[in-house]
């Protein structure tokens, strides 16, 4: 699964979450998706993530961690090795 496919599924889960979806109202989803895709691709290539795409949306720390949990679920479902999933999780949680 490509980074773009992962992010598409990830954003779909967040948009279906009744608590998180209101934070996306008025957000340029194409721009957010492009940023998240670039960040995820960087992390998967062993580089540090770009600035957190969720920053500035007003999420609480618990909400941000739930956003990251959705990402982990998508990665797990795509059969990414557990070590790689842990690396991605850490990279995205750092910005919580």
PDB file of N, CA and C in Angstrom:
ATOM      1  N   UNK A   1       0.852  -1.172   0.000  1.00  0.00           N
ATOM      2  CA  UNK A   1       0.000   0.000   0.000  1.00  0.00           C
ATOM      3  C   UNK A   1       0.904   1.243   0.000  1.00  0.00           C
ATOM      4  N   UNK A   2       0.588   2.196  -0.832  1.00  0.00           N
ATOM      5  CA  UNK A   2       1.392   3.413  -0.929  1.00  0.00           C
ATOM      6  C   UNK A   2       1.043   4.372   0.210  1.00  0.00           C
ATOM      7  N   UNK A   3       1.916   5.345   0.428  1.00  0.00           N
ATOM      8  CA  UNK A   3       1.651   6.367   1.446  1.00  0.00           C
ATOM      9  C   UNK A   3       0.351   7.107   1.137  1.00  0.00           C
ATOM     10  N   UNK A   4       0.096   7.363  -0.128  1.00  0.00           N
ATOM     11  CA  UNK A   4      -1.139   8.045  -0.523  1.00  0.00           C
ATOM     12  C   UNK A   4      -2.364   7.215  -0.146  1.00  0.00           C
ATOM     13  N   UNK A   5      -2.316   5.912  -0.405  1.00  0.00           N
ATOM     14  CA  UNK A   5      -3.433   5.034  -0.050  1.00  0.00           C
ATOM     15  C   UNK A   5      -3.637   4.974   1.459  1.00  0.00           C
ATOM     16  N   UNK A   6      -2.542   4.911   2.209  1.00  0.00           N
ATOM     17  CA  UNK A   6      -2.630   4.894   3.667  1.00  0.00           C
ATOM     18  C   UNK A   6      -3.299   6.168   4.157  1.00  0.00           C
ATOM     19  N   UNK A   7      -2.846   7.305   3.672  1.00  0.00           N
ATOM     20  CA  UNK A   7      -3.404   8.585   4.122  1.00  0.00           C
ATOM     21  C   UNK A   7      -4.873   8.711   3.724  1.00  0.00           C
ATOM     22  N   UNK A   8      -5.235   8.249   2.555  1.00  0.00           N
ATOM     23  CA  UNK A   8      -6.637   8.302   2.127  1.00  0.00           C
ATOM     24  C   UNK A   8      -7.520   7.514   3.095  1.00  0.00           C
ATOM     25  N   UNK A   9      -7.090   6.326   3.454  1.00  0.00           N
ATOM     26  CA  UNK A   9      -7.857   5.502   4.405  1.00  0.00           C
ATOM     27  C   UNK A   9      -7.857   6.126   5.796  1.00  0.00           C
ATOM     28  N   UNK A  10      -6.707   6.664   6.193  1.00  0.00           N
ATOM     29  CA  UNK A  10      -6.551   7.302   7.503  1.00  0.00           C
ATOM     30  C   UNK A  10      -7.514   8.481   7.630  1.00  0.00           C
ATOM     31  N   UNK A  11      -7.518   9.355   6.641  1.00  0.00           N
ATOM     32  CA  UNK A  11      -8.410  10.518   6.682  1.00  0.00           C
ATOM     33  C   UNK A  11      -9.880  10.093   6.651  1.00  0.00           C
ATOM     34  N   UNK A  12     -10.192   9.054   5.914  1.00  0.00           N
ATOM     35  CA  UNK A  12     -11.579   8.571   5.872  1.00  0.00           C
ATOM     36  C   UNK A  12     -12.033   8.146   7.267  1.00  0.00           C
ATOM     37  N   UNK A  13     -11.182   7.459   8.005  1.00  0.00           N
ATOM     38  CA  UNK A  13     -11.516   7.049   9.368  1.00  0.00           C
ATOM     39  C   UNK A  13     -11.743   8.258  10.268  1.00  0.00           C
ATOM     40  N   UNK A  14     -10.909   9.248  10.125  1.00  0.00           N
ATOM     41  CA  UNK A  14     -11.039  10.444  10.957  1.00  0.00           C
ATOM     42  C   UNK A  14     -12.309  11.205  10.604  1.00  0.00           C
ATOM     43  N   UNK A  15     -12.637  11.273   9.337  1.00  0.00           N
ATOM     44  CA  UNK A  15     -13.855  11.964   8.911  1.00  0.00           C
ATOM     45  C   UNK A  15     -15.109  11.229   9.384  1.00  0.00           C
ATOM     46  N   UNK A  16     -14.996   9.925   9.639  1.00  0.00           N
ATOM     47  CA  UNK A  16     -16.122   9.147  10.132  1.00  0.00           C
ATOM     48  C   UNK A  16     -16.224   9.173  11.661  1.00  0.00           C
ATOM     49  N   UNK A  17     -15.234   9.732  12.328  1.00  0.00           N
ATOM     50  CA  UNK A  17     -15.222   9.814  13.788  1.00  0.00           C
ATOM     51  C   UNK A  17     -16.014  11.056  14.207  1.00  0.00           C
ATOM     52  N   UNK A  18     -17.098  10.842  14.934  1.00  0.00           N
ATOM     53  CA  UNK A  18     -18.003  11.945  15.296  1.00  0.00           C
ATOM     54  C   UNK A  18     -17.316  13.028  16.116  1.00  0.00           C
ATOM     55  N   UNK A  19     -16.327  12.671  16.910  1.00  0.00           N
ATOM     56  CA  UNK A  19     -15.628  13.667  17.726  1.00  0.00           C
ATOM     57  C   UNK A  19     -14.550  14.401  16.950  1.00  0.00           C
ATOM     58  N   UNK A  20     -13.884  13.709  16.039  1.00  0.00           N
ATOM     59  CA  UNK A  20     -12.765  14.317  15.317  1.00  0.00           C
ATOM     60  C   UNK A  20     -13.182  15.034  14.039  1.00  0.00           C
ATOM     61  N   UNK A  21     -14.218  14.568  13.382  1.00  0.00           N
ATOM     62  CA  UNK A  21     -14.590  15.144  12.087  1.00  0.00           C
ATOM     63  C   UNK A  21     -14.886  16.641  12.131  1.00  0.00           C
ATOM     64  N   UNK A  22     -15.462  17.193  13.205  1.00  0.00           N
ATOM     65  CA  UNK A  22     -15.698  18.639  13.213  1.00  0.00           C
ATOM     66  C   UNK A  22     -14.417  19.475  13.095  1.00  0.00           C
ATOM     67  N   UNK A  23     -13.292  18.916  13.492  1.00  0.00           N
ATOM     68  CA  UNK A  23     -12.025  19.646  13.392  1.00  0.00           C
ATOM     69  C   UNK A  23     -11.573  19.807  11.942  1.00  0.00           C
ATOM     70  N   UNK A  24     -12.179  19.040  11.045  1.00  0.00           N
ATOM     71  CA  UNK A  24     -11.805  19.116   9.639  1.00  0.00           C
ATOM     72  C   UNK A  24     -12.699  20.050   8.832  1.00  0.00           C
ATOM     73  N   UNK A  25     -13.725  20.597   9.465  1.00  0.00           N
ATOM     74  CA  UNK A  25     -14.607  21.528   8.762  1.00  0.00           C
ATOM     75  C   UNK A  25     -13.800  22.763   8.360  1.00  0.00           C
ATOM     76  N   UNK A  26     -13.858  23.087   7.092  1.00  0.00           N
ATOM     77  CA  UNK A  26     -13.142  24.249   6.577  1.00  0.00           C
ATOM     78  C   UNK A  26     -11.674  24.006   6.266  1.00  0.00           C
ATOM     79  N   UNK A  27     -11.188  22.802   6.526  1.00  0.00           N
ATOM     80  CA  UNK A  27      -9.789  22.462   6.262  1.00  0.00           C
ATOM     81  C   UNK A  27      -9.662  22.026   4.799  1.00  0.00           C
ATOM     82  N   UNK A  28      -8.632  22.479   4.129  1.00  0.00           N
ATOM     83  CA  UNK A  28      -8.339  22.043   2.766  1.00  0.00           C
ATOM     84  C   UNK A  28      -7.824  20.607   2.854  1.00  0.00           C
ATOM     85  N   UNK A  29      -8.711  19.645   2.645  1.00  0.00           N
ATOM     86  CA  UNK A  29      -8.353  18.237   2.823  1.00  0.00           C
ATOM     87  C   UNK A  29      -7.314  17.758   1.820  1.00  0.00           C
ATOM     88  N   UNK A  30      -7.324  18.313   0.616  1.00  0.00           N
ATOM     89  CA  UNK A  30      -6.304  17.929  -0.360  1.00  0.00           C
ATOM     90  C   UNK A  30      -4.922  18.364   0.118  1.00  0.00           C
ATOM     91  N   UNK A  31      -4.859  19.559   0.639  1.00  0.00           N
ATOM     92  CA  UNK A  31      -3.574  20.065   1.147  1.00  0.00           C
ATOM     93  C   UNK A  31      -3.122  19.268   2.367  1.00  0.00           C
ATOM     94  N   UNK A  32      -4.057  18.993   3.287  1.00  0.00           N
ATOM     95  CA  UNK A  32      -3.725  18.197   4.464  1.00  0.00           C
ATOM     96  C   UNK A  32      -3.253  16.807   4.043  1.00  0.00           C
ATOM     97  N   UNK A  33      -3.963  16.182   3.106  1.00  0.00           N
ATOM     98  CA  UNK A  33      -3.582  14.848   2.641  1.00  0.00           C
ATOM     99  C   UNK A  33      -2.192  14.859   2.006  1.00  0.00           C
ATOM    100  N   UNK A  34      -1.906  15.875   1.219  1.00  0.00           N
ATOM    101  CA  UNK A  34      -0.581  15.967   0.592  1.00  0.00           C
ATOM    102  C   UNK A  34       0.509  16.100   1.651  1.00  0.00           C
ATOM    103  N   UNK A  35       0.250  16.914   2.660  1.00  0.00           N
ATOM    104  CA  UNK A  35       1.236  17.101   3.730  1.00  0.00           C
ATOM    105  C   UNK A  35       1.436  15.799   4.515  1.00  0.00           C
ATOM    106  N   UNK A  36       0.327  15.145   4.875  1.00  0.00           N
ATOM    107  CA  UNK A  36       0.430  13.896   5.627  1.00  0.00           C
ATOM    108  C   UNK A  36       1.114  12.803   4.809  1.00  0.00           C
ATOM    109  N   UNK A  37       0.838  12.765   3.524  1.00  0.00           N
ATOM    110  CA  UNK A  37       1.477  11.777   2.645  1.00  0.00           C
ATOM    111  C   UNK A  37       2.981  12.010   2.596  1.00  0.00           C
ATOM    112  N   UNK A  38       3.387  13.263   2.458  1.00  0.00           N
ATOM    113  CA  UNK A  38       4.819  13.592   2.433  1.00  0.00           C
ATOM    114  C   UNK A  38       5.473  13.227   3.765  1.00  0.00           C
ATOM    115  N   UNK A  39       4.798  13.539   4.865  1.00  0.00           N
ATOM    116  CA  UNK A  39       5.350  13.224   6.192  1.00  0.00           C
ATOM    117  C   UNK A  39       5.488  11.725   6.381  1.00  0.00           C
ATOM    118  N   UNK A  40       4.444  10.985   6.010  1.00  0.00           N
ATOM    119  CA  UNK A  40       4.491   9.534   6.158  1.00  0.00           C
ATOM    120  C   UNK A  40       5.585   8.941   5.281  1.00  0.00           C
ATOM    121  N   UNK A  41       5.696   9.396   4.055  1.00  0.00           N
ATOM    122  CA  UNK A  41       6.738   8.891   3.153  1.00  0.00           C
ATOM    123  C   UNK A  41       8.129   9.147   3.724  1.00  0.00           C
ATOM    124  N   UNK A  42       8.319  10.326   4.317  1.00  0.00           N
ATOM    125  CA  UNK A  42       9.620  10.645   4.935  1.00  0.00           C
ATOM    126  C   UNK A  42       9.935   9.655   6.055  1.00  0.00           C
ATOM    127  N   UNK A  43       8.963   9.424   6.925  1.00  0.00           N
ATOM    128  CA  UNK A  43       9.184   8.517   8.055  1.00  0.00           C
ATOM    129  C   UNK A  43       9.464   7.100   7.551  1.00  0.00           C
ATOM    130  N   UNK A  44       8.720   6.658   6.561  1.00  0.00           N
ATOM    131  CA  UNK A  44       8.942   5.317   6.018  1.00  0.00           C
ATOM    132  C   UNK A  44      10.301   5.197   5.345  1.00  0.00           C
ATOM    133  N   UNK A  45      10.853   6.331   4.894  1.00  0.00           N
ATOM    134  CA  UNK A  45      12.194   6.344   4.304  1.00  0.00           C
ATOM    135  C   UNK A  45      13.285   6.538   5.360  1.00  0.00           C
ATOM    136  N   UNK A  46      12.888   6.560   6.640  1.00  0.00           N
ATOM    137  CA  UNK A  46      13.861   6.683   7.720  1.00  0.00           C
ATOM    138  C   UNK A  46      14.246   8.108   8.061  1.00  0.00           C
ATOM    139  N   UNK A  47      13.522   9.071   7.542  1.00  0.00           N
ATOM    140  CA  UNK A  47      13.801  10.477   7.827  1.00  0.00           C
ATOM    141  C   UNK A  47      12.813  10.982   8.872  1.00  0.00           C
ATOM    142  N   UNK A  48      13.132  12.115   9.496  1.00  0.00           N
ATOM    143  CA  UNK A  48      12.172  12.674  10.461  1.00  0.00           C
ATOM    144  C   UNK A  48      10.923  13.169   9.744  1.00  0.00           C
ATOM    145  N   UNK A  49       9.803  13.120  10.455  1.00  0.00           N
ATOM    146  CA  UNK A  49       8.544  13.606   9.886  1.00  0.00           C
ATOM    147  C   UNK A  49       8.610  15.115   9.707  1.00  0.00           C
ATOM    148  N   UNK A  50       7.880  15.596   8.734  1.00  0.00           N
ATOM    149  CA  UNK A  50       7.731  17.045   8.571  1.00  0.00           C
ATOM    150  C   UNK A  50       6.864  17.549   9.719  1.00  0.00           C
ATOM    151  N   UNK A  51       6.668  18.837   9.805  1.00  0.00           N
ATOM    152  CA  UNK A  51       5.844  19.406  10.860  1.00  0.00           C
ATOM    153  C   UNK A  51       4.480  18.713  10.881  1.00  0.00           C
ATOM    154  N   UNK A  52       3.933  18.590  12.050  1.00  0.00           N
ATOM    155  CA  UNK A  52       2.670  17.881  12.244  1.00  0.00           C
ATOM    156  C   UNK A  52       1.528  18.566  11.511  1.00  0.00           C
ATOM    157  N   UNK A  53       0.860  17.833  10.635  1.00  0.00           N
ATOM    158  CA  UNK A  53      -0.267  18.370   9.891  1.00  0.00           C
ATOM    159  C   UNK A  53      -1.494  18.607  10.747  1.00  0.00           C
ATOM    160  N   UNK A  54      -1.527  18.031  11.938  1.00  0.00           N
ATOM    161  CA  UNK A  54      -2.683  18.182  12.822  1.00  0.00           C
ATOM    162  C   UNK A  54      -2.536  19.372  13.747  1.00  0.00           C
ATOM    163  N   UNK A  55      -1.327  19.883  13.881  1.00  0.00           N
ATOM    164  CA  UNK A  55      -1.098  21.031  14.754  1.00  0.00           C
ATOM    165  C   UNK A  55      -1.924  22.206  14.251  1.00  0.00           C
ATOM    166  N   UNK A  56      -2.449  22.960  15.147  1.00  0.00           N
ATOM    167  CA  UNK A  56      -3.227  24.123  14.763  1.00  0.00           C
ATOM    168  C   UNK A  56      -4.710  23.845  14.581  1.00  0.00           C
ATOM    169  N   UNK A  57      -5.100  22.572  14.663  1.00  0.00           N
ATOM    170  CA  UNK A  57      -6.521  22.258  14.539  1.00  0.00           C
ATOM    171  C   UNK A  57      -7.234  22.284  15.888  1.00  0.00           C
ATOM    172  N   UNK A  58      -6.474  22.441  16.953  1.00  0.00           N
ATOM    173  CA  UNK A  58      -7.079  22.528  18.278  1.00  0.00           C
ATOM    174  C   UNK A  58      -7.382  21.194  18.935  1.00  0.00           C
ATOM    175  N   UNK A  59      -6.752  20.127  18.459  1.00  0.00           N
ATOM    176  CA  UNK A  59      -6.974  18.814  19.056  1.00  0.00           C
ATOM    177  C   UNK A  59      -6.332  18.744  20.434  1.00  0.00           C
ATOM    178  N   UNK A  60      -6.992  18.039  21.348  1.00  0.00           N
ATOM    179  CA  UNK A  60      -6.376  17.751  22.632  1.00  0.00           C
ATOM    180  C   UNK A  60      -5.307  16.678  22.420  1.00  0.00           C
ATOM    181  N   UNK A  61      -4.489  16.455  23.424  1.00  0.00           N
ATOM    182  CA  UNK A  61      -3.470  15.406  23.304  1.00  0.00           C
ATOM    183  C   UNK A  61      -4.132  14.041  23.101  1.00  0.00           C
ATOM    184  N   UNK A  62      -5.210  13.782  23.829  1.00  0.00           N
ATOM    185  CA  UNK A  62      -5.919  12.502  23.690  1.00  0.00           C
ATOM    186  C   UNK A  62      -6.490  12.344  22.279  1.00  0.00           C
ATOM    187  N   UNK A  63      -7.027  13.419  21.729  1.00  0.00           N
ATOM    188  CA  UNK A  63      -7.556  13.351  20.365  1.00  0.00           C
ATOM    189  C   UNK A  63      -6.444  13.114  19.360  1.00  0.00           C
ATOM    190  N   UNK A  64      -5.311  13.777  19.552  1.00  0.00           N
ATOM    191  CA  UNK A  64      -4.180  13.570  18.645  1.00  0.00           C
ATOM    192  C   UNK A  64      -3.714  12.120  18.713  1.00  0.00           C
ATOM    193  N   UNK A  65      -3.663  11.567  19.907  1.00  0.00           N
ATOM    194  CA  UNK A  65      -3.246  10.174  20.040  1.00  0.00           C
ATOM    195  C   UNK A  65      -4.247   9.236  19.367  1.00  0.00           C
ATOM    196  N   UNK A  66      -5.538   9.600  19.365  1.00  0.00           N
ATOM    197  CA  UNK A  66      -6.525   8.788  18.661  1.00  0.00           C
ATOM    198  C   UNK A  66      -6.314   8.877  17.155  1.00  0.00           C
ATOM    199  N   UNK A  67      -5.954  10.061  16.665  1.00  0.00           N
ATOM    200  CA  UNK A  67      -5.626  10.227  15.239  1.00  0.00           C
ATOM    201  C   UNK A  67      -4.471   9.298  14.874  1.00  0.00           C
ATOM    202  N   UNK A  68      -3.453   9.260  15.724  1.00  0.00           N
ATOM    203  CA  UNK A  68      -2.295   8.391  15.478  1.00  0.00           C
ATOM    204  C   UNK A  68      -2.708   6.922  15.561  1.00  0.00           C
ATOM    205  N   UNK A  69      -3.618   6.593  16.467  1.00  0.00           N
ATOM    206  CA  UNK A  69      -4.089   5.210  16.576  1.00  0.00           C
ATOM    207  C   UNK A  69      -4.788   4.771  15.289  1.00  0.00           C
ATOM    208  N   UNK A  70      -5.537   5.676  14.674  1.00  0.00           N
ATOM    209  CA  UNK A  70      -6.150   5.345  13.381  1.00  0.00           C
ATOM    210  C   UNK A  70      -5.074   5.051  12.341  1.00  0.00           C
ATOM    211  N   UNK A  71      -4.022   5.843  12.324  1.00  0.00           N
ATOM    212  CA  UNK A  71      -2.921   5.602  11.388  1.00  0.00           C
ATOM    213  C   UNK A  71      -2.310   4.227  11.631  1.00  0.00           C
ATOM    214  N   UNK A  72      -2.059   3.909  12.885  1.00  0.00           N
ATOM    215  CA  UNK A  72      -1.477   2.609  13.227  1.00  0.00           C
ATOM    216  C   UNK A  72      -2.385   1.479  12.748  1.00  0.00           C
ATOM    217  N   UNK A  73      -3.687   1.639  12.905  1.00  0.00           N
ATOM    218  CA  UNK A  73      -4.623   0.624  12.442  1.00  0.00           C
ATOM    219  C   UNK A  73      -4.550   0.410  10.937  1.00  0.00           C
ATOM    220  N   UNK A  74      -4.460   1.504  10.203  1.00  0.00           N
ATOM    221  CA  UNK A  74      -4.355   1.393   8.736  1.00  0.00           C
ATOM    222  C   UNK A  74      -3.045   0.702   8.365  1.00  0.00           C
ATOM    223  N   UNK A  75      -1.965   1.067   9.013  1.00  0.00           N
ATOM    224  CA  UNK A  75      -0.667   0.447   8.720  1.00  0.00           C
ATOM    225  C   UNK A  75      -0.680  -1.037   9.074  1.00  0.00           C
ATOM    226  N   UNK A  76      -1.284  -1.358  10.191  1.00  0.00           N
ATOM    227  CA  UNK A  76      -1.370  -2.756  10.607  1.00  0.00           C
ATOM    228  C   UNK A  76      -2.161  -3.554   9.574  1.00  0.00           C
ATOM    229  N   UNK A  77      -3.288  -3.002   9.124  1.00  0.00           N
ATOM    230  CA  UNK A  77      -4.125  -3.686   8.132  1.00  0.00           C
ATOM    231  C   UNK A  77      -3.407  -3.834   6.793  1.00  0.00           C
ATOM    232  N   UNK A  78      -2.410  -2.992   6.540  1.00  0.00           N
ATOM    233  CA  UNK A  78      -1.668  -3.082   5.277  1.00  0.00           C
ATOM    234  C   UNK A  78      -0.480  -4.037   5.382  1.00  0.00           C
ATOM    235  N   UNK A  79      -0.366  -4.714   6.526  1.00  0.00           N
ATOM    236  CA  UNK A  79       0.691  -5.705   6.758  1.00  0.00           C
ATOM    237  C   UNK A  79       2.093  -5.115   6.811  1.00  0.00           C
ATOM    238  N   UNK A  80       2.208  -3.862   7.204  1.00  0.00           N
ATOM    239  CA  UNK A  80       3.526  -3.276   7.421  1.00  0.00           C
ATOM    240  C   UNK A  80       4.138  -3.971   8.633  1.00  0.00           C
ATOM    241  N   UNK A  81       5.425  -4.291   8.603  1.00  0.00           N
ATOM    242  CA  UNK A  81       6.051  -4.954   9.747  1.00  0.00           C
ATOM    243  C   UNK A  81       5.893  -4.133  11.036  1.00  0.00           C
ATOM    244  N   UNK A  82       5.732  -4.844  12.140  1.00  0.00           N
ATOM    245  CA  UNK A  82       5.487  -4.195  13.432  1.00  0.00           C
ATOM    246  C   UNK A  82       6.555  -3.164  13.790  1.00  0.00           C
ATOM    247  N   UNK A  83       7.807  -3.441  13.493  1.00  0.00           N
ATOM    248  CA  UNK A  83       8.883  -2.493  13.800  1.00  0.00           C
ATOM    249  C   UNK A  83       8.680  -1.172  13.050  1.00  0.00           C
ATOM    250  N   UNK A  84       8.282  -1.266  11.804  1.00  0.00           N
ATOM    251  CA  UNK A  84       8.050  -0.060  10.992  1.00  0.00           C
ATOM    252  C   UNK A  84       6.839   0.712  11.520  1.00  0.00           C
ATOM    253  N   UNK A  85       5.801  -0.027  11.917  1.00  0.00           N
ATOM    254  CA  UNK A  85       4.622   0.624  12.489  1.00  0.00           C
ATOM    255  C   UNK A  85       5.001   1.376  13.758  1.00  0.00           C
ATOM    256  N   UNK A  86       5.821   0.750  14.590  1.00  0.00           N
ATOM    257  CA  UNK A  86       6.257   1.396  15.831  1.00  0.00           C
ATOM    258  C   UNK A  86       7.047   2.674  15.531  1.00  0.00           C
ATOM    259  N   UNK A  87       7.876   2.638  14.509  1.00  0.00           N
ATOM    260  CA  UNK A  87       8.650   3.823  14.131  1.00  0.00           C
ATOM    261  C   UNK A  87       7.728   4.957  13.680  1.00  0.00           C
ATOM    262  N   UNK A  88       6.744   4.616  12.875  1.00  0.00           N
ATOM    263  CA  UNK A  88       5.796   5.621  12.389  1.00  0.00           C
ATOM    264  C   UNK A  88       5.003   6.173  13.567  1.00  0.00           C
ATOM    265  N   UNK A  89       4.516   5.286  14.419  1.00  0.00           N
ATOM    266  CA  UNK A  89       3.744   5.735  15.589  1.00  0.00           C
ATOM    267  C   UNK A  89       4.543   6.718  16.432  1.00  0.00           C
ATOM    268  N   UNK A  90       5.776   6.372  16.732  1.00  0.00           N
ATOM    269  CA  UNK A  90       6.630   7.263  17.535  1.00  0.00           C
ATOM    270  C   UNK A  90       6.818   8.616  16.853  1.00  0.00           C
ATOM    271  N   UNK A  91       7.063   8.593  15.557  1.00  0.00           N
ATOM    272  CA  UNK A  91       7.292   9.835  14.821  1.00  0.00           C
ATOM    273  C   UNK A  91       6.073  10.754  14.869  1.00  0.00           C
ATOM    274  N   UNK A  92       4.883  10.174  14.735  1.00  0.00           N
ATOM    275  CA  UNK A  92       3.674  10.992  14.730  1.00  0.00           C
ATOM    276  C   UNK A  92       3.212  11.352  16.138  1.00  0.00           C
ATOM    277  N   UNK A  93       3.524  10.507  17.130  1.00  0.00           N
ATOM    278  CA  UNK A  93       3.157  10.827  18.515  1.00  0.00           C
ATOM    279  C   UNK A  93       4.026  11.942  19.085  1.00  0.00           C
ATOM    280  N   UNK A  94       5.246  12.044  18.617  1.00  0.00           N
ATOM    281  CA  UNK A  94       6.162  13.072  19.111  1.00  0.00           C
ATOM    282  C   UNK A  94       5.546  14.450  18.971  1.00  0.00           C
ATOM    283  N   UNK A  95       4.756  14.620  17.926  1.00  0.00           N
ATOM    284  CA  UNK A  95       4.149  15.914  17.651  1.00  0.00           C
ATOM    285  C   UNK A  95       2.817  16.108  18.370  1.00  0.00           C
ATOM    286  N   UNK A  96       2.474  15.174  19.259  1.00  0.00           N
ATOM    287  CA  UNK A  96       1.194  15.290  19.977  1.00  0.00           C
ATOM    288  C   UNK A  96       1.217  16.458  20.951  1.00  0.00           C
TER     289      UNK A  96
END
